[in-house]
Amino acid sequence: MKKILVLILTLLISLNAFADCRPMIESTLEKKIIKHGKLVKAGKITTGAVFVTVGGFWGTMGVIMLGPLWAGAVIGASFGAFVGVPVGTTFVIVSKIQKHKIKNLGKTLSIIGSGDELNNLHKKLLLNHSELSLIQLEEIIQNLNEANALCDGTVSGKMRKIANPKEIYRYIDNSLSLY
């Protein structure tokens, strides 16, 4: 029994020692991209359906009331646009929010992978911590990544576990201010 417990404990420690947030971030990113594509498609279909349904109804009513076909078309297009624009606008706003979240996940991956976003983060941190070198920042990010702090909620401090670049900046800035 002791051997099994030691084996399980060793396995858990070794898995945590080689932890990496990239697979979790990549899978979340993939899901968000697919979800965004579905939202855009649904937005187009819904906006078109609302425009055609409302516009068609009021266009028909315009022809019945006024007689000429052109008057019904104008009335139908006006009412269709009046109802369709707010529906379409709502989908555009939600789409922009999702794009921003997708962009932040990409920036987080770039920070972990020592890409351009790491250089941007370093420039921001240099304003308050002029002694911080890029190599030291890479080590800090690597340690946070290996400890799963970037994707377990430690850095973000929120229910959304994966930290965005702004939260990474705040966390490192506060940590460096303590020393």
N, C-alpha and C. Protein backbone atom coordinates (compact mmCIF):
# COMPACT_ATOMS: atom_id res chain seq x y z
N MET A 1 0.82 -1.19 0.00
CA MET A 1 0.00 0.00 0.00
C MET A 1 0.87 1.26 0.00
N LYS A 2 1.95 1.22 0.80
CA LYS A 2 2.85 2.36 0.86
C LYS A 2 3.52 2.61 -0.48
N LYS A 3 3.88 1.51 -1.18
CA LYS A 3 4.54 1.66 -2.47
C LYS A 3 3.62 2.32 -3.49
N ILE A 4 2.34 1.96 -3.46
CA ILE A 4 1.37 2.54 -4.38
C ILE A 4 1.17 4.02 -4.07
N LEU A 5 1.09 4.36 -2.80
CA LEU A 5 0.91 5.75 -2.40
C LEU A 5 2.12 6.60 -2.80
N VAL A 6 3.32 6.05 -2.61
CA VAL A 6 4.55 6.76 -3.00
C VAL A 6 4.58 6.92 -4.52
N LEU A 7 4.18 5.90 -5.25
CA LEU A 7 4.17 5.96 -6.71
C LEU A 7 3.19 7.04 -7.21
N ILE A 8 2.00 7.08 -6.64
CA ILE A 8 1.00 8.08 -7.02
C ILE A 8 1.48 9.48 -6.68
N LEU A 9 2.05 9.65 -5.50
CA LEU A 9 2.56 10.95 -5.08
C LEU A 9 3.69 11.41 -5.99
N THR A 10 4.58 10.51 -6.35
CA THR A 10 5.69 10.83 -7.26
C THR A 10 5.16 11.24 -8.63
N LEU A 11 4.16 10.54 -9.10
CA LEU A 11 3.56 10.84 -10.40
C LEU A 11 2.93 12.24 -10.39
N LEU A 12 2.20 12.55 -9.33
CA LEU A 12 1.58 13.87 -9.22
C LEU A 12 2.61 14.99 -9.16
N ILE A 13 3.66 14.78 -8.40
CA ILE A 13 4.70 15.81 -8.30
C ILE A 13 5.41 15.99 -9.64
N SER A 14 5.69 14.89 -10.34
CA SER A 14 6.38 15.01 -11.62
C SER A 14 5.48 15.66 -12.67
N LEU A 15 4.18 15.41 -12.64
CA LEU A 15 3.28 16.07 -13.59
C LEU A 15 3.21 17.57 -13.32
N ASN A 16 3.20 17.96 -12.06
CA ASN A 16 3.16 19.38 -11.73
C ASN A 16 4.49 20.06 -12.04
N ALA A 17 5.59 19.32 -11.98
CA ALA A 17 6.89 19.90 -12.26
C ALA A 17 7.04 20.25 -13.73
N PHE A 18 6.35 19.53 -14.60
CA PHE A 18 6.43 19.77 -16.04
C PHE A 18 5.15 20.37 -16.58
N ALA A 19 4.46 21.12 -15.78
CA ALA A 19 3.20 21.71 -16.19
C ALA A 19 3.44 22.80 -17.23
N ASP A 20 2.47 22.95 -18.11
CA ASP A 20 2.54 23.97 -19.15
C ASP A 20 1.12 24.40 -19.47
N CYS A 21 0.91 25.71 -19.51
CA CYS A 21 -0.43 26.25 -19.76
C CYS A 21 -0.79 26.30 -21.24
N ARG A 22 0.18 26.15 -22.10
CA ARG A 22 -0.08 26.31 -23.53
C ARG A 22 -1.18 25.41 -24.06
N PRO A 23 -1.20 24.10 -23.75
CA PRO A 23 -2.28 23.27 -24.29
C PRO A 23 -3.68 23.73 -23.85
N MET A 24 -3.78 24.16 -22.61
CA MET A 24 -5.08 24.64 -22.12
C MET A 24 -5.49 25.92 -22.84
N ILE A 25 -4.54 26.83 -23.02
CA ILE A 25 -4.84 28.09 -23.71
C ILE A 25 -5.18 27.82 -25.17
N GLU A 26 -4.43 26.93 -25.81
CA GLU A 26 -4.69 26.62 -27.22
C GLU A 26 -6.06 25.99 -27.42
N SER A 27 -6.45 25.07 -26.52
CA SER A 27 -7.77 24.45 -26.66
C SER A 27 -8.88 25.47 -26.41
N THR A 28 -8.68 26.36 -25.44
CA THR A 28 -9.67 27.41 -25.19
C THR A 28 -9.75 28.35 -26.38
N LEU A 29 -8.61 28.68 -26.95
CA LEU A 29 -8.57 29.55 -28.12
C LEU A 29 -9.30 28.93 -29.30
N GLU A 30 -9.08 27.65 -29.51
CA GLU A 30 -9.75 26.94 -30.60
C GLU A 30 -11.27 26.94 -30.41
N LYS A 31 -11.71 26.68 -29.18
CA LYS A 31 -13.15 26.69 -28.90
C LYS A 31 -13.75 28.07 -29.13
N LYS A 32 -13.04 29.11 -28.70
CA LYS A 32 -13.55 30.48 -28.87
C LYS A 32 -13.62 30.88 -30.34
N ILE A 33 -12.66 30.45 -31.14
CA ILE A 33 -12.69 30.76 -32.57
C ILE A 33 -13.87 30.07 -33.24
N ILE A 34 -14.11 28.82 -32.91
CA ILE A 34 -15.25 28.10 -33.47
C ILE A 34 -16.55 28.74 -33.03
N LYS A 35 -16.65 29.09 -31.75
CA LYS A 35 -17.85 29.74 -31.22
C LYS A 35 -18.08 31.08 -31.90
N HIS A 36 -17.01 31.83 -32.16
CA HIS A 36 -17.14 33.13 -32.81
C HIS A 36 -17.65 32.96 -34.24
N GLY A 37 -17.14 31.96 -34.94
CA GLY A 37 -17.62 31.70 -36.30
C GLY A 37 -19.11 31.38 -36.33
N LYS A 38 -19.56 30.59 -35.37
CA LYS A 38 -20.98 30.25 -35.29
C LYS A 38 -21.82 31.49 -34.97
N LEU A 39 -21.30 32.35 -34.09
CA LEU A 39 -22.02 33.57 -33.73
C LEU A 39 -22.18 34.49 -34.94
N VAL A 40 -21.11 34.64 -35.71
CA VAL A 40 -21.17 35.50 -36.89
C VAL A 40 -22.21 34.97 -37.88
N LYS A 41 -22.19 33.66 -38.09
CA LYS A 41 -23.15 33.05 -39.02
C LYS A 41 -24.58 33.22 -38.51
N ALA A 42 -24.79 32.98 -37.23
CA ALA A 42 -26.12 33.14 -36.64
C ALA A 42 -26.58 34.59 -36.71
N GLY A 43 -25.66 35.52 -36.50
CA GLY A 43 -25.99 36.94 -36.57
C GLY A 43 -26.46 37.34 -37.95
N LYS A 44 -25.76 36.86 -38.98
CA LYS A 44 -26.15 37.18 -40.35
C LYS A 44 -27.53 36.60 -40.67
N ILE A 45 -27.73 35.35 -40.29
CA ILE A 45 -29.01 34.70 -40.57
C ILE A 45 -30.15 35.38 -39.82
N THR A 46 -29.95 35.67 -38.55
CA THR A 46 -31.00 36.29 -37.74
C THR A 46 -31.33 37.68 -38.23
N THR A 47 -30.31 38.47 -38.52
CA THR A 47 -30.55 39.83 -39.00
C THR A 47 -31.30 39.80 -40.33
N GLY A 48 -30.88 38.93 -41.22
CA GLY A 48 -31.57 38.80 -42.51
C GLY A 48 -33.01 38.34 -42.35
N ALA A 49 -33.20 37.37 -41.46
CA ALA A 49 -34.56 36.84 -41.24
C ALA A 49 -35.48 37.91 -40.66
N VAL A 50 -34.96 38.68 -39.72
CA VAL A 50 -35.77 39.75 -39.13
C VAL A 50 -36.10 40.80 -40.18
N PHE A 51 -35.11 41.17 -40.97
CA PHE A 51 -35.34 42.17 -42.02
C PHE A 51 -36.39 41.69 -43.01
N VAL A 52 -36.25 40.46 -43.48
CA VAL A 52 -37.18 39.93 -44.48
C VAL A 52 -38.58 39.74 -43.90
N THR A 53 -38.66 39.20 -42.70
CA THR A 53 -39.97 38.94 -42.09
C THR A 53 -40.72 40.23 -41.81
N VAL A 54 -40.10 41.14 -41.09
CA VAL A 54 -40.77 42.40 -40.74
C VAL A 54 -40.99 43.24 -41.98
N GLY A 55 -39.96 43.34 -42.82
CA GLY A 55 -40.08 44.12 -44.04
C GLY A 55 -41.12 43.55 -44.99
N GLY A 56 -41.15 42.25 -45.10
CA GLY A 56 -42.16 41.60 -45.96
C GLY A 56 -43.57 41.83 -45.46
N PHE A 57 -43.77 41.71 -44.17
CA PHE A 57 -45.10 41.92 -43.62
C PHE A 57 -45.58 43.34 -43.85
N TRP A 58 -44.72 44.32 -43.46
CA TRP A 58 -45.13 45.72 -43.60
C TRP A 58 -45.14 46.16 -45.07
N GLY A 59 -44.33 45.55 -45.89
CA GLY A 59 -44.39 45.84 -47.33
C GLY A 59 -45.71 45.39 -47.92
N THR A 60 -46.14 44.20 -47.53
CA THR A 60 -47.44 43.70 -47.98
C THR A 60 -48.56 44.59 -47.48
N MET A 61 -48.46 44.99 -46.22
CA MET A 61 -49.49 45.88 -45.66
C MET A 61 -49.50 47.22 -46.40
N GLY A 62 -48.33 47.72 -46.79
CA GLY A 62 -48.24 48.98 -47.53
C GLY A 62 -48.89 48.88 -48.89
N VAL A 63 -48.69 47.75 -49.57
CA VAL A 63 -49.33 47.55 -50.87
C VAL A 63 -50.84 47.47 -50.71
N ILE A 64 -51.28 46.77 -49.67
CA ILE A 64 -52.72 46.64 -49.44
C ILE A 64 -53.34 48.01 -49.14
N MET A 65 -52.67 48.81 -48.30
CA MET A 65 -53.23 50.10 -47.90
C MET A 65 -53.07 51.18 -48.99
N LEU A 66 -51.90 51.23 -49.60
CA LEU A 66 -51.63 52.34 -50.52
C LEU A 66 -51.81 51.98 -51.98
N GLY A 67 -51.65 50.75 -52.33
CA GLY A 67 -51.87 50.33 -53.71
C GLY A 67 -50.61 50.11 -54.52
N PRO A 68 -49.78 51.13 -54.75
CA PRO A 68 -48.62 50.94 -55.61
C PRO A 68 -47.57 50.03 -54.97
N LEU A 69 -46.94 49.26 -55.81
CA LEU A 69 -45.93 48.32 -55.33
C LEU A 69 -44.72 49.04 -54.77
N TRP A 70 -44.31 50.13 -55.38
CA TRP A 70 -43.14 50.86 -54.91
C TRP A 70 -43.35 51.42 -53.50
N ALA A 71 -44.59 51.83 -53.17
CA ALA A 71 -44.87 52.35 -51.83
C ALA A 71 -44.74 51.23 -50.79
N GLY A 72 -45.22 50.06 -51.14
CA GLY A 72 -45.09 48.91 -50.24
C GLY A 72 -43.64 48.52 -50.03
N ALA A 73 -42.82 48.61 -51.12
CA ALA A 73 -41.40 48.28 -51.01
C ALA A 73 -40.69 49.27 -50.09
N VAL A 74 -41.03 50.54 -50.22
CA VAL A 74 -40.40 51.55 -49.37
C VAL A 74 -40.78 51.35 -47.91
N ILE A 75 -42.05 51.12 -47.66
CA ILE A 75 -42.52 50.89 -46.29
C ILE A 75 -41.89 49.63 -45.72
N GLY A 76 -41.86 48.55 -46.50
CA GLY A 76 -41.27 47.29 -46.04
C GLY A 76 -39.79 47.42 -45.73
N ALA A 77 -39.06 48.09 -46.62
CA ALA A 77 -37.62 48.27 -46.38
C ALA A 77 -37.38 49.14 -45.15
N SER A 78 -38.21 50.16 -44.97
CA SER A 78 -38.04 51.04 -43.81
C SER A 78 -38.28 50.29 -42.51
N PHE A 79 -39.38 49.57 -42.42
CA PHE A 79 -39.67 48.84 -41.19
C PHE A 79 -38.67 47.69 -40.98
N GLY A 80 -38.27 47.04 -42.07
CA GLY A 80 -37.28 45.96 -41.95
C GLY A 80 -35.96 46.47 -41.41
N ALA A 81 -35.52 47.62 -41.93
CA ALA A 81 -34.27 48.22 -41.44
C ALA A 81 -34.42 48.71 -40.00
N PHE A 82 -35.58 49.27 -39.69
CA PHE A 82 -35.82 49.79 -38.35
C PHE A 82 -35.72 48.69 -37.29
N VAL A 83 -36.17 47.50 -37.64
CA VAL A 83 -36.11 46.39 -36.68
C VAL A 83 -34.82 45.58 -36.85
N GLY A 84 -34.31 45.48 -38.06
CA GLY A 84 -33.13 44.65 -38.32
C GLY A 84 -31.82 45.25 -37.84
N VAL A 85 -31.70 46.58 -37.89
CA VAL A 85 -30.44 47.23 -37.48
C VAL A 85 -30.10 46.98 -36.02
N PRO A 86 -31.04 47.12 -35.07
CA PRO A 86 -30.67 46.82 -33.68
C PRO A 86 -30.26 45.37 -33.45
N VAL A 87 -30.93 44.45 -34.17
CA VAL A 87 -30.55 43.04 -34.04
C VAL A 87 -29.14 42.82 -34.55
N GLY A 88 -28.84 43.36 -35.73
CA GLY A 88 -27.50 43.23 -36.29
C GLY A 88 -26.44 43.90 -35.44
N THR A 89 -26.77 45.06 -34.88
CA THR A 89 -25.83 45.79 -34.04
C THR A 89 -25.47 44.99 -32.79
N THR A 90 -26.46 44.34 -32.22
CA THR A 90 -26.20 43.50 -31.04
C THR A 90 -25.21 42.40 -31.36
N PHE A 91 -25.39 41.74 -32.49
CA PHE A 91 -24.47 40.68 -32.88
C PHE A 91 -23.07 41.22 -33.16
N VAL A 92 -22.98 42.41 -33.74
CA VAL A 92 -21.67 43.01 -34.02
C VAL A 92 -20.94 43.32 -32.72
N ILE A 93 -21.66 43.85 -31.73
CA ILE A 93 -21.03 44.18 -30.44
C ILE A 93 -20.52 42.92 -29.74
N VAL A 94 -21.35 41.89 -29.71
CA VAL A 94 -20.93 40.63 -29.07
C VAL A 94 -19.75 40.04 -29.83
N SER A 95 -19.76 40.14 -31.15
CA SER A 95 -18.66 39.63 -31.96
C SER A 95 -17.36 40.36 -31.65
N LYS A 96 -17.42 41.68 -31.50
CA LYS A 96 -16.21 42.45 -31.17
C LYS A 96 -15.66 42.06 -29.80
N ILE A 97 -16.54 41.81 -28.84
CA ILE A 97 -16.10 41.37 -27.51
C ILE A 97 -15.39 40.03 -27.61
N GLN A 98 -15.96 39.10 -28.39
CA GLN A 98 -15.33 37.80 -28.54
C GLN A 98 -13.99 37.91 -29.27
N LYS A 99 -13.90 38.78 -30.27
CA LYS A 99 -12.63 38.97 -30.97
C LYS A 99 -11.56 39.48 -30.02
N HIS A 100 -11.95 40.39 -29.12
CA HIS A 100 -11.01 40.92 -28.14
C HIS A 100 -10.50 39.82 -27.22
N LYS A 101 -11.38 38.93 -26.79
CA LYS A 101 -10.97 37.82 -25.93
C LYS A 101 -10.03 36.87 -26.67
N ILE A 102 -10.33 36.62 -27.94
CA ILE A 102 -9.47 35.76 -28.76
C ILE A 102 -8.09 36.40 -28.92
N LYS A 103 -8.07 37.70 -29.15
CA LYS A 103 -6.81 38.43 -29.30
C LYS A 103 -5.99 38.36 -28.01
N ASN A 104 -6.65 38.49 -26.85
CA ASN A 104 -5.93 38.41 -25.57
C ASN A 104 -5.35 37.03 -25.34
N LEU A 105 -6.07 35.98 -25.73
CA LEU A 105 -5.53 34.63 -25.58
C LEU A 105 -4.29 34.46 -26.46
N GLY A 106 -4.33 35.01 -27.67
CA GLY A 106 -3.16 34.95 -28.55
C GLY A 106 -1.97 35.70 -27.96
N LYS A 107 -2.26 36.85 -27.34
CA LYS A 107 -1.17 37.62 -26.70
C LYS A 107 -0.58 36.85 -25.52
N THR A 108 -1.43 36.17 -24.75
CA THR A 108 -0.93 35.36 -23.63
C THR A 108 -0.03 34.25 -24.14
N LEU A 109 -0.43 33.60 -25.23
CA LEU A 109 0.42 32.56 -25.83
C LEU A 109 1.74 33.16 -26.30
N SER A 110 1.69 34.36 -26.85
CA SER A 110 2.92 35.01 -27.30
C SER A 110 3.84 35.34 -26.13
N ILE A 111 3.27 35.73 -25.01
CA ILE A 111 4.08 36.02 -23.82
C ILE A 111 4.76 34.74 -23.34
N ILE A 112 4.01 33.66 -23.28
CA ILE A 112 4.57 32.38 -22.81
C ILE A 112 5.65 31.90 -23.77
N GLY A 113 5.42 32.08 -25.07
CA GLY A 113 6.37 31.62 -26.07
C GLY A 113 7.51 32.58 -26.36
N SER A 114 7.69 33.61 -25.54
CA SER A 114 8.75 34.61 -25.69
C SER A 114 8.65 35.33 -27.04
N GLY A 115 7.43 35.68 -27.43
CA GLY A 115 7.21 36.37 -28.70
C GLY A 115 7.21 37.88 -28.52
N ASP A 116 6.60 38.55 -29.49
CA ASP A 116 6.57 40.02 -29.49
C ASP A 116 5.87 40.59 -28.27
N GLU A 117 4.85 39.91 -27.79
CA GLU A 117 4.11 40.42 -26.64
C GLU A 117 4.96 40.42 -25.37
N LEU A 118 5.92 39.51 -25.29
CA LEU A 118 6.83 39.53 -24.15
C LEU A 118 7.68 40.80 -24.18
N ASN A 119 8.10 41.21 -25.38
CA ASN A 119 8.87 42.46 -25.50
C ASN A 119 8.01 43.66 -25.11
N ASN A 120 6.73 43.65 -25.51
CA ASN A 120 5.83 44.74 -25.12
C ASN A 120 5.63 44.78 -23.61
N LEU A 121 5.47 43.60 -23.01
CA LEU A 121 5.32 43.51 -21.56
C LEU A 121 6.58 44.04 -20.87
N HIS A 122 7.74 43.70 -21.41
CA HIS A 122 9.00 44.14 -20.83
C HIS A 122 9.11 45.66 -20.89
N LYS A 123 8.71 46.26 -22.02
CA LYS A 123 8.75 47.72 -22.14
C LYS A 123 7.84 48.39 -21.10
N LYS A 124 6.68 47.82 -20.89
CA LYS A 124 5.76 48.39 -19.89
C LYS A 124 6.33 48.27 -18.48
N LEU A 125 6.93 47.13 -18.19
CA LEU A 125 7.47 46.91 -16.85
C LEU A 125 8.72 47.75 -16.59
N LEU A 126 9.42 48.11 -17.65
CA LEU A 126 10.63 48.93 -17.48
C LEU A 126 10.31 50.32 -16.93
N LEU A 127 9.10 50.80 -17.14
CA LEU A 127 8.72 52.11 -16.63
C LEU A 127 8.80 52.17 -15.11
N ASN A 128 8.41 51.08 -14.46
CA ASN A 128 8.43 51.04 -12.99
C ASN A 128 9.63 50.27 -12.43
N HIS A 129 10.22 49.39 -13.24
CA HIS A 129 11.30 48.53 -12.76
C HIS A 129 12.43 48.56 -13.79
N SER A 130 13.22 49.59 -13.75
CA SER A 130 14.27 49.79 -14.76
C SER A 130 15.38 48.74 -14.70
N GLU A 131 15.50 48.05 -13.59
CA GLU A 131 16.56 47.05 -13.44
C GLU A 131 16.17 45.69 -14.03
N LEU A 132 14.92 45.52 -14.46
CA LEU A 132 14.43 44.24 -14.97
C LEU A 132 14.95 43.99 -16.38
N SER A 133 15.64 42.86 -16.56
CA SER A 133 16.13 42.51 -17.89
C SER A 133 15.12 41.58 -18.57
N LEU A 134 15.24 41.46 -19.86
CA LEU A 134 14.34 40.58 -20.61
C LEU A 134 14.52 39.13 -20.20
N ILE A 135 15.74 38.75 -19.90
CA ILE A 135 16.01 37.37 -19.48
C ILE A 135 15.34 37.07 -18.13
N GLN A 136 15.40 38.04 -17.21
CA GLN A 136 14.73 37.86 -15.92
C GLN A 136 13.21 37.73 -16.11
N LEU A 137 12.66 38.55 -17.00
CA LEU A 137 11.22 38.48 -17.27
C LEU A 137 10.85 37.14 -17.88
N GLU A 138 11.67 36.64 -18.78
CA GLU A 138 11.43 35.32 -19.38
C GLU A 138 11.41 34.25 -18.29
N GLU A 139 12.34 34.34 -17.35
CA GLU A 139 12.39 33.37 -16.25
C GLU A 139 11.15 33.46 -15.37
N ILE A 140 10.70 34.68 -15.10
CA ILE A 140 9.49 34.86 -14.29
C ILE A 140 8.29 34.23 -14.99
N ILE A 141 8.15 34.51 -16.29
CA ILE A 141 7.04 33.96 -17.07
C ILE A 141 7.14 32.44 -17.11
N GLN A 142 8.34 31.93 -17.31
CA GLN A 142 8.53 30.48 -17.37
C GLN A 142 8.16 29.84 -16.03
N ASN A 143 8.56 30.47 -14.92
CA ASN A 143 8.22 29.93 -13.60
C ASN A 143 6.71 29.95 -13.37
N LEU A 144 6.06 31.03 -13.78
CA LEU A 144 4.60 31.11 -13.64
C LEU A 144 3.92 30.06 -14.50
N ASN A 145 4.45 29.84 -15.69
CA ASN A 145 3.87 28.84 -16.59
C ASN A 145 4.06 27.43 -16.04
N GLU A 146 5.27 27.15 -15.54
CA GLU A 146 5.54 25.81 -15.00
C GLU A 146 4.74 25.53 -13.73
N ALA A 147 4.41 26.58 -12.99
CA ALA A 147 3.62 26.41 -11.78
C ALA A 147 2.12 26.43 -12.06
N ASN A 148 1.75 26.54 -13.35
CA ASN A 148 0.34 26.62 -13.77
C ASN A 148 -0.34 27.87 -13.24
N ALA A 149 0.41 28.86 -12.81
CA ALA A 149 -0.18 30.07 -12.25
C ALA A 149 -0.88 30.89 -13.32
N LEU A 150 -0.44 30.77 -14.58
CA LEU A 150 -1.06 31.55 -15.65
C LEU A 150 -2.42 31.00 -16.07
N CYS A 151 -2.69 29.75 -15.73
CA CYS A 151 -3.96 29.17 -16.19
C CYS A 151 -4.78 28.54 -15.07
N ASP A 152 -4.41 28.74 -13.82
CA ASP A 152 -5.22 28.18 -12.74
C ASP A 152 -5.94 29.25 -11.92
N GLY A 153 -5.81 30.51 -12.33
CA GLY A 153 -6.50 31.59 -11.63
C GLY A 153 -5.63 32.33 -10.64
N THR A 154 -4.41 31.89 -10.44
CA THR A 154 -3.52 32.56 -9.49
C THR A 154 -3.18 33.97 -9.97
N VAL A 155 -2.83 34.12 -11.23
CA VAL A 155 -2.45 35.42 -11.77
C VAL A 155 -3.69 36.27 -12.05
N SER A 156 -4.72 35.66 -12.63
CA SER A 156 -5.91 36.44 -12.98
C SER A 156 -6.74 36.79 -11.75
N GLY A 157 -6.78 35.89 -10.79
CA GLY A 157 -7.55 36.14 -9.58
C GLY A 157 -9.05 36.15 -9.81
N LYS A 158 -9.49 35.54 -10.89
CA LYS A 158 -10.91 35.54 -11.23
C LYS A 158 -11.36 34.12 -11.54
N MET A 159 -12.66 34.00 -11.74
CA MET A 159 -13.20 32.70 -12.11
C MET A 159 -12.67 32.27 -13.48
N ARG A 160 -12.48 33.25 -14.37
CA ARG A 160 -11.88 32.96 -15.66
C ARG A 160 -10.42 32.70 -15.36
N LYS A 161 -9.99 31.51 -15.52
CA LYS A 161 -8.69 31.12 -14.99
C LYS A 161 -7.50 31.60 -15.80
N ILE A 162 -7.62 31.65 -17.11
CA ILE A 162 -6.47 32.01 -17.94
C ILE A 162 -6.25 33.52 -17.85
N ALA A 163 -5.04 33.90 -17.53
CA ALA A 163 -4.70 35.31 -17.34
C ALA A 163 -4.50 36.00 -18.69
N ASN A 164 -5.01 37.22 -18.79
CA ASN A 164 -4.77 38.00 -20.01
C ASN A 164 -3.52 38.86 -19.78
N PRO A 165 -3.00 39.50 -20.84
CA PRO A 165 -1.76 40.27 -20.70
C PRO A 165 -1.82 41.37 -19.63
N LYS A 166 -2.95 42.03 -19.49
CA LYS A 166 -3.06 43.09 -18.49
C LYS A 166 -2.92 42.52 -17.08
N GLU A 167 -3.52 41.36 -16.85
CA GLU A 167 -3.43 40.73 -15.52
C GLU A 167 -2.00 40.22 -15.25
N ILE A 168 -1.35 39.73 -16.29
CA ILE A 168 0.04 39.28 -16.14
C ILE A 168 0.92 40.48 -15.77
N TYR A 169 0.70 41.60 -16.45
CA TYR A 169 1.46 42.81 -16.13
C TYR A 169 1.25 43.22 -14.68
N ARG A 170 -0.01 43.29 -14.25
CA ARG A 170 -0.31 43.71 -12.87
C ARG A 170 0.33 42.77 -11.86
N TYR A 171 0.23 41.48 -12.11
CA TYR A 171 0.77 40.48 -11.17
C TYR A 171 2.29 40.63 -11.05
N ILE A 172 2.98 40.72 -12.19
CA ILE A 172 4.44 40.83 -12.14
C ILE A 172 4.85 42.18 -11.56
N ASP A 173 4.14 43.24 -11.94
CA ASP A 173 4.46 44.57 -11.41
C ASP A 173 4.31 44.59 -9.89
N ASN A 174 3.24 44.02 -9.38
CA ASN A 174 3.03 43.96 -7.92
C ASN A 174 4.07 43.07 -7.25
N SER A 175 4.43 41.96 -7.89
CA SER A 175 5.43 41.06 -7.31
C SER A 175 6.79 41.73 -7.24
N LEU A 176 7.16 42.46 -8.29
CA LEU A 176 8.46 43.13 -8.31
C LEU A 176 8.49 44.31 -7.35
N SER A 177 7.33 44.93 -7.12
CA SER A 177 7.26 46.07 -6.18
C SER A 177 7.50 45.64 -4.75
N LEU A 178 7.24 44.37 -4.45
CA LEU A 178 7.43 43.88 -3.10
C LEU A 178 8.91 43.72 -2.76
N TYR A 179 9.73 43.56 -3.77
CA TYR A 179 11.16 43.32 -3.51
C TYR A 179 11.96 44.56 -3.54
